[in-house]
Amino acid sequence: MLRSAIAATLIGLASAPALAAQPQMTPMGDDVRFEARPDASSARSWASDGQTTVINLLTEAEMEALGFDFADSVMENGMIYAHVPVWFSTGPEATDTVAHILTQTDGPVVVMCAGAVRASHIHAAARIRSGEITREELDEAYPGREWNEGWLNRLLGETPEAESAQ
């Protein structure tokens, strides 16, 4: 399990094992919340709500536009930080990395991006690739969400152009 001792975690996309090759996965759990673009007080608020881990999907350019050191803010508030830059051309490597992080964490997790769309899509794709749910169960598992099927195809590795473009 990930521990607070490794609070700063920059997980490289190549470091996560491919989920499709694994016959059984550790469950990812459902204690995940999706958040949109953070401000300087977000990490403090999430920590007081009991979150233990933050998976940041923002690209480097989006991180610079925040105007503060988000990673430091998360770690200063006692949470584990992982950065997996994701954009709409991202493929299954990022999905597998997020899934790997989720299976290794203890406690509630925030998965965040600019508008929570990438967060919900990559979380859903990770659950599908791990066998927790099927595509047919998306609407039941995530009520009220709208799905970009083309992007889900890329995140799931179901299209020939499914390559990361970080």
C-alpha atoms as a PDB file:
ATOM      1  CA  MET A   1       0.000   0.000   0.000  1.00  0.00           C
ATOM      2  CA  LEU A   2       1.100   3.556  -0.558  1.00  0.00           C
ATOM      3  CA  ARG A   3       2.078   5.181   2.705  1.00  0.00           C
ATOM      4  CA  SER A   4       2.414   8.776   3.836  1.00  0.00           C
ATOM      5  CA  ALA A   5       6.178   8.273   3.886  1.00  0.00           C
ATOM      6  CA  ILE A   6       6.086   8.425   0.109  1.00  0.00           C
ATOM      7  CA  ALA A   7       3.929  11.529   0.041  1.00  0.00           C
ATOM      8  CA  ALA A   8       5.391  12.864  -3.191  1.00  0.00           C
ATOM      9  CA  THR A   9       4.724  10.478  -6.012  1.00  0.00           C
ATOM     10  CA  LEU A  10       5.232  11.205  -9.663  1.00  0.00           C
ATOM     11  CA  ILE A  11       4.125   7.980 -11.266  1.00  0.00           C
ATOM     12  CA  GLY A  12       5.553   7.446 -14.734  1.00  0.00           C
ATOM     13  CA  LEU A  13       3.098   6.001 -17.201  1.00  0.00           C
ATOM     14  CA  ALA A  14       5.426   3.162 -18.072  1.00  0.00           C
ATOM     15  CA  SER A  15       5.720   2.045 -14.439  1.00  0.00           C
ATOM     16  CA  ALA A  16       2.203   0.624 -14.065  1.00  0.00           C
ATOM     17  CA  PRO A  17       1.605  -2.946 -15.154  1.00  0.00           C
ATOM     18  CA  ALA A  18      -0.858  -3.436 -17.980  1.00  0.00           C
ATOM     19  CA  LEU A  19      -4.193  -4.353 -16.439  1.00  0.00           C
ATOM     20  CA  ALA A  20      -5.378  -6.334 -19.419  1.00  0.00           C
ATOM     21  CA  ALA A  21      -2.630  -8.895 -18.772  1.00  0.00           C
ATOM     22  CA  GLN A  22      -3.606  -9.413 -15.132  1.00  0.00           C
ATOM     23  CA  PRO A  23      -6.226 -12.097 -14.498  1.00  0.00           C
ATOM     24  CA  GLN A  24      -7.458 -10.587 -11.216  1.00  0.00           C
ATOM     25  CA  MET A  25      -7.108  -7.113  -9.799  1.00  0.00           C
ATOM     26  CA  THR A  26      -7.281  -5.770  -6.303  1.00  0.00           C
ATOM     27  CA  PRO A  27     -10.565  -3.865  -6.137  1.00  0.00           C
ATOM     28  CA  MET A  28     -10.206  -0.123  -6.626  1.00  0.00           C
ATOM     29  CA  GLY A  29     -12.951   0.701  -4.175  1.00  0.00           C
ATOM     30  CA  ASP A  30     -15.613   3.276  -4.561  1.00  0.00           C
ATOM     31  CA  ASP A  31     -14.355   5.917  -2.142  1.00  0.00           C
ATOM     32  CA  VAL A  32     -13.311   8.210  -4.985  1.00  0.00           C
ATOM     33  CA  ARG A  33     -14.460  11.729  -5.569  1.00  0.00           C
ATOM     34  CA  PHE A  34     -14.012  13.781  -8.723  1.00  0.00           C
ATOM     35  CA  GLU A  35     -12.991  17.414  -8.414  1.00  0.00           C
ATOM     36  CA  ALA A  36     -12.461  20.256 -10.840  1.00  0.00           C
ATOM     37  CA  ARG A  37      -9.618  22.789 -11.019  1.00  0.00           C
ATOM     38  CA  PRO A  38      -8.220  23.324  -7.530  1.00  0.00           C
ATOM     39  CA  ASP A  39      -7.572  26.646  -5.872  1.00  0.00           C
ATOM     40  CA  ALA A  40      -5.111  27.402  -3.078  1.00  0.00           C
ATOM     41  CA  SER A  41      -7.547  26.163  -0.397  1.00  0.00           C
ATOM     42  CA  SER A  42      -8.662  22.925  -2.089  1.00  0.00           C
ATOM     43  CA  ALA A  43      -6.053  20.641  -0.532  1.00  0.00           C
ATOM     44  CA  ARG A  44      -6.803  21.910   2.980  1.00  0.00           C
ATOM     45  CA  SER A  45     -10.527  21.338   2.404  1.00  0.00           C
ATOM     46  CA  TRP A  46     -10.007  17.837   1.011  1.00  0.00           C
ATOM     47  CA  ALA A  47      -7.724  16.879   3.908  1.00  0.00           C
ATOM     48  CA  SER A  48     -10.300  18.071   6.447  1.00  0.00           C
ATOM     49  CA  ASP A  49     -12.907  15.996   4.611  1.00  0.00           C
ATOM     50  CA  GLY A  50     -10.723  12.917   5.213  1.00  0.00           C
ATOM     51  CA  GLN A  51      -9.219  12.449   1.754  1.00  0.00           C
ATOM     52  CA  THR A  52      -5.853  10.658   1.892  1.00  0.00           C
ATOM     53  CA  THR A  53      -4.660  10.730  -1.712  1.00  0.00           C
ATOM     54  CA  VAL A  54      -4.898  13.160  -4.636  1.00  0.00           C
ATOM     55  CA  ILE A  55      -4.426  11.994  -8.215  1.00  0.00           C
ATOM     56  CA  ASN A  56      -3.834  15.070 -10.357  1.00  0.00           C
ATOM     57  CA  LEU A  57      -4.624  14.662 -14.063  1.00  0.00           C
ATOM     58  CA  LEU A  58      -3.761  18.230 -15.105  1.00  0.00           C
ATOM     59  CA  THR A  59      -1.143  18.715 -17.810  1.00  0.00           C
ATOM     60  CA  GLU A  60       2.025  20.684 -17.076  1.00  0.00           C
ATOM     61  CA  ALA A  61       0.600  23.775 -18.821  1.00  0.00           C
ATOM     62  CA  GLU A  62      -2.561  23.557 -16.706  1.00  0.00           C
ATOM     63  CA  MET A  63      -0.437  23.203 -13.563  1.00  0.00           C
ATOM     64  CA  GLU A  64       1.541  26.342 -14.412  1.00  0.00           C
ATOM     65  CA  ALA A  65      -1.699  28.256 -15.001  1.00  0.00           C
ATOM     66  CA  LEU A  66      -2.831  27.533 -11.429  1.00  0.00           C
ATOM     67  CA  GLY A  67      -0.320  30.060 -10.128  1.00  0.00           C
ATOM     68  CA  PHE A  68       0.652  28.093  -7.016  1.00  0.00           C
ATOM     69  CA  ASP A  69       2.465  24.846  -6.213  1.00  0.00           C
ATOM     70  CA  PHE A  70      -0.413  22.402  -6.026  1.00  0.00           C
ATOM     71  CA  ALA A  71       1.769  19.378  -5.234  1.00  0.00           C
ATOM     72  CA  ASP A  72       3.280  21.150  -2.206  1.00  0.00           C
ATOM     73  CA  SER A  73      -0.182  22.197  -1.076  1.00  0.00           C
ATOM     74  CA  VAL A  74      -1.409  18.594  -1.150  1.00  0.00           C
ATOM     75  CA  MET A  75       1.647  17.241   0.675  1.00  0.00           C
ATOM     76  CA  GLU A  76       1.642  20.031   3.261  1.00  0.00           C
ATOM     77  CA  ASN A  77      -1.871  18.921   4.137  1.00  0.00           C
ATOM     78  CA  GLY A  78      -0.701  15.361   4.793  1.00  0.00           C
ATOM     79  CA  MET A  79      -2.052  13.676   1.658  1.00  0.00           C
ATOM     80  CA  ILE A  80      -0.305  11.463  -0.859  1.00  0.00           C
ATOM     81  CA  TYR A  81       0.139  13.151  -4.231  1.00  0.00           C
ATOM     82  CA  ALA A  82       0.316  11.480  -7.636  1.00  0.00           C
ATOM     83  CA  HIS A  83       0.539  13.324 -10.942  1.00  0.00           C
ATOM     84  CA  VAL A  84      -0.573  11.526 -14.098  1.00  0.00           C
ATOM     85  CA  PRO A  85      -0.936  14.152 -16.855  1.00  0.00           C
ATOM     86  CA  VAL A  86      -3.952  13.287 -18.993  1.00  0.00           C
ATOM     87  CA  TRP A  87      -5.369  14.921 -22.076  1.00  0.00           C
ATOM     88  CA  PHE A  88      -7.999  13.818 -24.568  1.00  0.00           C
ATOM     89  CA  SER A  89      -5.395  12.056 -26.731  1.00  0.00           C
ATOM     90  CA  THR A  90      -4.204   9.944 -23.793  1.00  0.00           C
ATOM     91  CA  GLY A  91      -4.333   6.183 -24.161  1.00  0.00           C
ATOM     92  CA  PRO A  92      -4.553   3.141 -21.909  1.00  0.00           C
ATOM     93  CA  GLU A  93      -1.151   3.608 -20.252  1.00  0.00           C
ATOM     94  CA  ALA A  94      -2.538   6.464 -18.144  1.00  0.00           C
ATOM     95  CA  THR A  95      -5.662   4.430 -17.396  1.00  0.00           C
ATOM     96  CA  ASP A  96      -3.538   1.579 -16.090  1.00  0.00           C
ATOM     97  CA  THR A  97      -1.391   3.950 -14.032  1.00  0.00           C
ATOM     98  CA  VAL A  98      -4.439   5.489 -12.348  1.00  0.00           C
ATOM     99  CA  ALA A  99      -5.882   2.014 -11.711  1.00  0.00           C
ATOM    100  CA  HIS A 100      -2.588   0.900 -10.174  1.00  0.00           C
ATOM    101  CA  ILE A 101      -2.511   3.920  -7.855  1.00  0.00           C
ATOM    102  CA  LEU A 102      -6.130   3.334  -6.823  1.00  0.00           C
ATOM    103  CA  THR A 103      -5.452  -0.303  -5.929  1.00  0.00           C
ATOM    104  CA  GLN A 104      -2.477   0.724  -3.783  1.00  0.00           C
ATOM    105  CA  THR A 105      -4.046   3.534  -1.743  1.00  0.00           C
ATOM    106  CA  ASP A 106      -5.567   3.466   1.709  1.00  0.00           C
ATOM    107  CA  GLY A 107      -8.520   5.747   2.276  1.00  0.00           C
ATOM    108  CA  PRO A 108     -10.576   8.181   0.237  1.00  0.00           C
ATOM    109  CA  VAL A 109      -9.113   9.503  -3.019  1.00  0.00           C
ATOM    110  CA  VAL A 110      -9.620  12.698  -5.013  1.00  0.00           C
ATOM    111  CA  VAL A 111      -9.149  12.343  -8.766  1.00  0.00           C
ATOM    112  CA  MET A 112      -9.036  15.826 -10.240  1.00  0.00           C
ATOM    113  CA  CYS A 113      -8.629  17.669 -13.505  1.00  0.00           C
ATOM    114  CA  ALA A 114      -9.868  20.966 -14.915  1.00  0.00           C
ATOM    115  CA  GLY A 115     -13.578  20.113 -15.053  1.00  0.00           C
ATOM    116  CA  ALA A 116     -13.880  16.587 -13.580  1.00  0.00           C
ATOM    117  CA  VAL A 117     -14.601  15.132 -17.056  1.00  0.00           C
ATOM    118  CA  ARG A 118     -11.175  13.532 -17.476  1.00  0.00           C
ATOM    119  CA  ALA A 119     -11.355  12.320 -13.886  1.00  0.00           C
ATOM    120  CA  SER A 120     -14.649  10.489 -14.346  1.00  0.00           C
ATOM    121  CA  HIS A 121     -13.630   9.085 -17.738  1.00  0.00           C
ATOM    122  CA  ILE A 122     -10.276   7.718 -16.607  1.00  0.00           C
ATOM    123  CA  HIS A 123     -11.778   6.284 -13.420  1.00  0.00           C
ATOM    124  CA  ALA A 124     -14.521   4.555 -15.408  1.00  0.00           C
ATOM    125  CA  ALA A 125     -11.995   3.250 -17.940  1.00  0.00           C
ATOM    126  CA  ALA A 126      -9.780   1.942 -15.136  1.00  0.00           C
ATOM    127  CA  ARG A 127     -12.708   0.071 -13.613  1.00  0.00           C
ATOM    128  CA  ILE A 128     -13.642  -1.385 -17.001  1.00  0.00           C
ATOM    129  CA  ARG A 129     -10.050  -2.477 -17.788  1.00  0.00           C
ATOM    130  CA  SER A 130      -9.761  -4.107 -14.354  1.00  0.00           C
ATOM    131  CA  GLY A 131     -13.011  -6.026 -14.850  1.00  0.00           C
ATOM    132  CA  GLU A 132     -14.914  -4.306 -12.015  1.00  0.00           C
ATOM    133  CA  ILE A 133     -17.645  -3.079 -14.363  1.00  0.00           C
ATOM    134  CA  THR A 134     -18.555  -3.356 -18.026  1.00  0.00           C
ATOM    135  CA  ARG A 135     -19.234  -0.551 -20.472  1.00  0.00           C
ATOM    136  CA  GLU A 136     -22.890  -1.483 -20.320  1.00  0.00           C
ATOM    137  CA  GLU A 137     -22.860  -0.683 -16.579  1.00  0.00           C
ATOM    138  CA  LEU A 138     -21.425   2.839 -16.932  1.00  0.00           C
ATOM    139  CA  ASP A 139     -24.691   4.726 -16.573  1.00  0.00           C
ATOM    140  CA  GLU A 140     -25.657   2.712 -13.514  1.00  0.00           C
ATOM    141  CA  ALA A 141     -22.203   3.070 -11.939  1.00  0.00           C
ATOM    142  CA  TYR A 142     -21.993   6.808 -12.711  1.00  0.00           C
ATOM    143  CA  PRO A 143     -25.538   8.216 -12.774  1.00  0.00           C
ATOM    144  CA  GLY A 144     -25.988  11.467 -14.654  1.00  0.00           C
ATOM    145  CA  ARG A 145     -22.595  11.423 -16.420  1.00  0.00           C
ATOM    146  CA  GLU A 146     -22.274  11.903 -20.144  1.00  0.00           C
ATOM    147  CA  TRP A 147     -19.671   9.768 -21.885  1.00  0.00           C
ATOM    148  CA  ASN A 148     -17.422  10.635 -24.799  1.00  0.00           C
ATOM    149  CA  GLU A 149     -17.325   7.220 -26.471  1.00  0.00           C
ATOM    150  CA  GLY A 150     -14.321   8.044 -28.663  1.00  0.00           C
ATOM    151  CA  TRP A 151     -12.250   9.057 -25.690  1.00  0.00           C
ATOM    152  CA  LEU A 152     -13.352   6.027 -23.681  1.00  0.00           C
ATOM    153  CA  ASN A 153     -12.240   3.881 -26.637  1.00  0.00           C
ATOM    154  CA  ARG A 154      -8.758   5.480 -26.482  1.00  0.00           C
ATOM    155  CA  LEU A 155      -8.521   5.149 -22.682  1.00  0.00           C
ATOM    156  CA  LEU A 156      -9.542   1.496 -22.960  1.00  0.00           C
ATOM    157  CA  GLY A 157      -7.051   0.792 -25.757  1.00  0.00           C
ATOM    158  CA  GLU A 158      -9.831  -0.080 -28.193  1.00  0.00           C
ATOM    159  CA  THR A 159      -8.698   2.178 -31.030  1.00  0.00           C
ATOM    160  CA  PRO A 160      -5.528   1.912 -33.117  1.00  0.00           C
ATOM    161  CA  GLU A 161      -4.623   5.527 -32.293  1.00  0.00           C
ATOM    162  CA  ALA A 162      -4.742   4.879 -28.532  1.00  0.00           C
ATOM    163  CA  GLU A 163      -1.363   6.302 -27.624  1.00  0.00           C
ATOM    164  CA  SER A 164      -0.413   8.711 -24.912  1.00  0.00           C
ATOM    165  CA  ALA A 165       0.358  12.228 -26.007  1.00  0.00           C
ATOM    166  CA  GLN A 166       1.460  13.715 -22.733  1.00  0.00           C
END
